[in-house]
Every structure is written in C-alpha cells, then in structure tokens.
Amino acid sequence: MDCATAAILQYGIGFHGGTQKASLQTGAEMTLERWILAISIVIVAGIQYGLVVYAIRDLNRRPTVRGNNKFAWSLLILAVPFVGALIYGISGPTSFLPRANRSVHHTVSTLDENDLI
C-alpha cells in the first residue's frame, strides 16, 4: 500500500475527476467530547486573558515593582501565558496601592465642664 492509498483510507480523502483536488470527509456532528473540549478551551482562554489583563492593569497602577523594571515584567506577563501573570502576582508587586475613594472618619469630641475636672 502506497502513501496516497493509506491517506485515502485513514482520512477519507478522495480525488475527484482527473484533478488533484482533495476533499476531507468529516462528520458534521459535534459529539459530547468535542463540546466539552470546545467549552473548556473557551474557559481556559478566558481565564488566561483575564489574568493577563489584571496583571498588566495592576502593573500600570503600581508606583514600583520588584526589580524596578516594568517593561521586563510586562514582557514576562505577555510572553508566558498563565505562568507570567502568576509569577508577577506572587513576586512582582512591592508597594501597596492607595485607595482612591476611601472615606476618612473623623471623630469630633465635645468637652463640657465636667470633663475638665
């Protein structure tokens, strides 16, 4: 059996007429395993992009990071999926972010004449 015959039998590739146009015959139905695989790929991609967006946003907001090199951290976050964002989250930040809308509670005490005695 030659290579072309093996490909026809294994992948269902047929040659039509005298031309060399190959058609791949596949089932159009989605099995349960394929649905689960497709959904899990979408979920993992969503988690990955969410981590990257969170890490880059956090990197931009912080005044300082470990190593004082934000460019290197951004390359690590973008170049290494999952692991770059996780490494940044664990070891990158060295400063605390100030809270923008933090209300300050001042207590005002009043003194009356009995408190002075």
Protein backbone atom coordinates (compact mmCIF):
# COMPACT_ATOMS: atom_id res chain seq x y z
CA MET A 1 0.00 0.00 0.00
CA ASP A 2 1.43 3.33 -1.01
CA CYS A 3 1.23 6.61 0.92
CA ALA A 4 -1.67 8.07 -1.10
CA THR A 5 -3.83 4.96 -0.60
CA ALA A 6 -3.12 4.99 3.14
CA ALA A 7 -4.17 8.66 3.32
CA ILE A 8 -7.38 7.91 1.45
CA LEU A 9 -8.25 5.06 3.79
CA GLN A 10 -7.21 6.82 7.01
CA TYR A 11 -8.51 10.36 6.44
CA GLY A 12 -11.23 9.79 3.86
CA ILE A 13 -9.52 11.92 1.23
CA GLY A 14 -10.92 11.38 -2.23
CA PHE A 15 -9.64 12.64 -5.56
CA HIS A 16 -12.36 13.90 -7.89
CA GLY A 17 -12.11 13.50 -11.63
CA GLY A 18 -8.73 13.93 -13.21
CA THR A 19 -7.74 16.80 -10.93
CA GLN A 20 -5.72 16.58 -7.77
CA LYS A 21 -8.37 18.36 -5.68
CA ALA A 22 -8.71 16.58 -2.36
CA SER A 23 -11.78 16.75 -0.17
CA LEU A 24 -11.73 15.88 3.51
CA GLN A 25 -14.79 13.93 4.54
CA THR A 26 -15.62 14.54 8.19
CA GLY A 27 -18.71 14.15 10.28
CA ALA A 28 -20.61 17.40 10.72
CA GLU A 29 -21.93 16.37 14.10
CA MET A 30 -20.45 17.54 17.37
CA THR A 31 -20.10 14.78 19.89
CA LEU A 32 -20.27 15.36 23.63
CA GLU A 33 -16.48 15.09 23.93
CA ARG A 34 -15.97 17.78 21.29
CA TRP A 35 -18.46 20.11 23.02
CA ILE A 36 -16.72 19.61 26.35
CA LEU A 37 -13.34 20.25 24.71
CA ALA A 38 -14.59 23.40 22.95
CA ILE A 39 -16.16 24.78 26.13
CA SER A 40 -13.08 24.01 28.21
CA ILE A 41 -10.83 25.76 25.65
CA VAL A 42 -13.04 28.85 25.81
CA ILE A 43 -12.99 28.80 29.64
CA VAL A 44 -9.20 28.38 29.81
CA ALA A 45 -8.70 31.17 27.25
CA GLY A 46 -10.99 33.44 29.27
CA ILE A 47 -9.06 32.74 32.46
CA GLN A 48 -5.76 33.35 30.68
CA TYR A 49 -6.83 36.67 29.18
CA GLY A 50 -8.40 37.72 32.47
CA LEU A 51 -5.14 37.06 34.33
CA VAL A 52 -3.13 38.96 31.72
CA VAL A 53 -5.46 41.97 31.79
CA TYR A 54 -5.47 42.01 35.60
CA ALA A 55 -1.66 41.72 35.82
CA ILE A 56 -0.99 44.43 33.21
CA ARG A 57 -3.54 46.75 34.83
CA ASP A 58 -2.00 46.16 38.25
CA LEU A 59 1.48 46.71 36.82
CA ASN A 60 0.43 50.10 35.38
CA ARG A 61 -1.12 51.24 38.67
CA ARG A 62 1.80 50.38 40.96
CA PRO A 63 4.48 53.01 41.52
CA THR A 64 7.25 50.41 41.99
CA VAL A 65 7.71 46.72 41.30
CA ARG A 66 10.42 44.24 42.21
CA GLY A 67 13.49 44.98 40.11
CA ASN A 68 12.19 48.45 39.15
CA ASN A 69 11.71 47.25 35.57
CA LYS A 70 8.08 47.40 34.50
CA PHE A 71 8.97 46.67 30.87
CA ALA A 72 10.53 43.31 31.77
CA TRP A 73 7.51 42.40 33.90
CA SER A 74 5.14 43.28 31.07
CA LEU A 75 7.12 41.11 28.64
CA LEU A 76 7.02 38.21 31.10
CA ILE A 77 3.28 38.60 31.60
CA LEU A 78 2.54 38.77 27.87
CA ALA A 79 5.06 36.18 26.63
CA VAL A 80 4.43 33.36 29.10
CA PRO A 81 0.74 32.50 29.39
CA PHE A 82 -0.60 31.82 32.91
CA VAL A 83 2.83 31.45 34.46
CA GLY A 84 3.98 35.03 33.76
CA ALA A 85 0.88 36.56 35.35
CA LEU A 86 1.09 34.18 38.32
CA ILE A 87 4.80 34.91 38.88
CA TYR A 88 4.06 38.64 38.73
CA GLY A 89 1.18 38.26 41.19
CA ILE A 90 3.34 36.33 43.64
CA SER A 91 6.64 38.18 43.48
CA GLY A 92 6.26 41.36 41.43
CA PRO A 93 4.38 43.94 43.49
CA THR A 94 6.38 45.63 46.24
CA SER A 95 4.17 48.60 47.06
CA PHE A 96 0.62 48.99 48.22
CA LEU A 97 -1.94 50.74 46.07
CA PRO A 98 -3.59 53.76 47.67
CA ARG A 99 -7.36 53.63 47.92
CA ALA A 100 -8.89 56.39 45.85
CA ASN A 101 -12.37 56.64 47.36
CA ARG A 102 -11.61 55.93 50.96
CA SER A 103 -13.73 57.92 53.33
CA VAL A 104 -11.96 59.31 56.34
CA HIS A 105 -13.89 59.05 59.59
CA HIS A 106 -13.11 61.90 61.90
CA THR A 107 -14.48 61.73 65.37
CA VAL A 108 -15.20 65.02 66.99
CA SER A 109 -15.48 65.04 70.70
CA THR A 110 -17.03 67.83 72.60
CA LEU A 111 -15.87 68.75 76.03
CA ASP A 112 -18.13 70.04 78.65
CA GLU A 113 -17.27 71.44 82.05
CA ASN A 114 -17.39 68.06 83.81
CA ASP A 115 -14.63 66.62 81.57
CA LEU A 116 -12.12 69.24 82.67
CA ILE A 117 -12.23 68.37 86.34
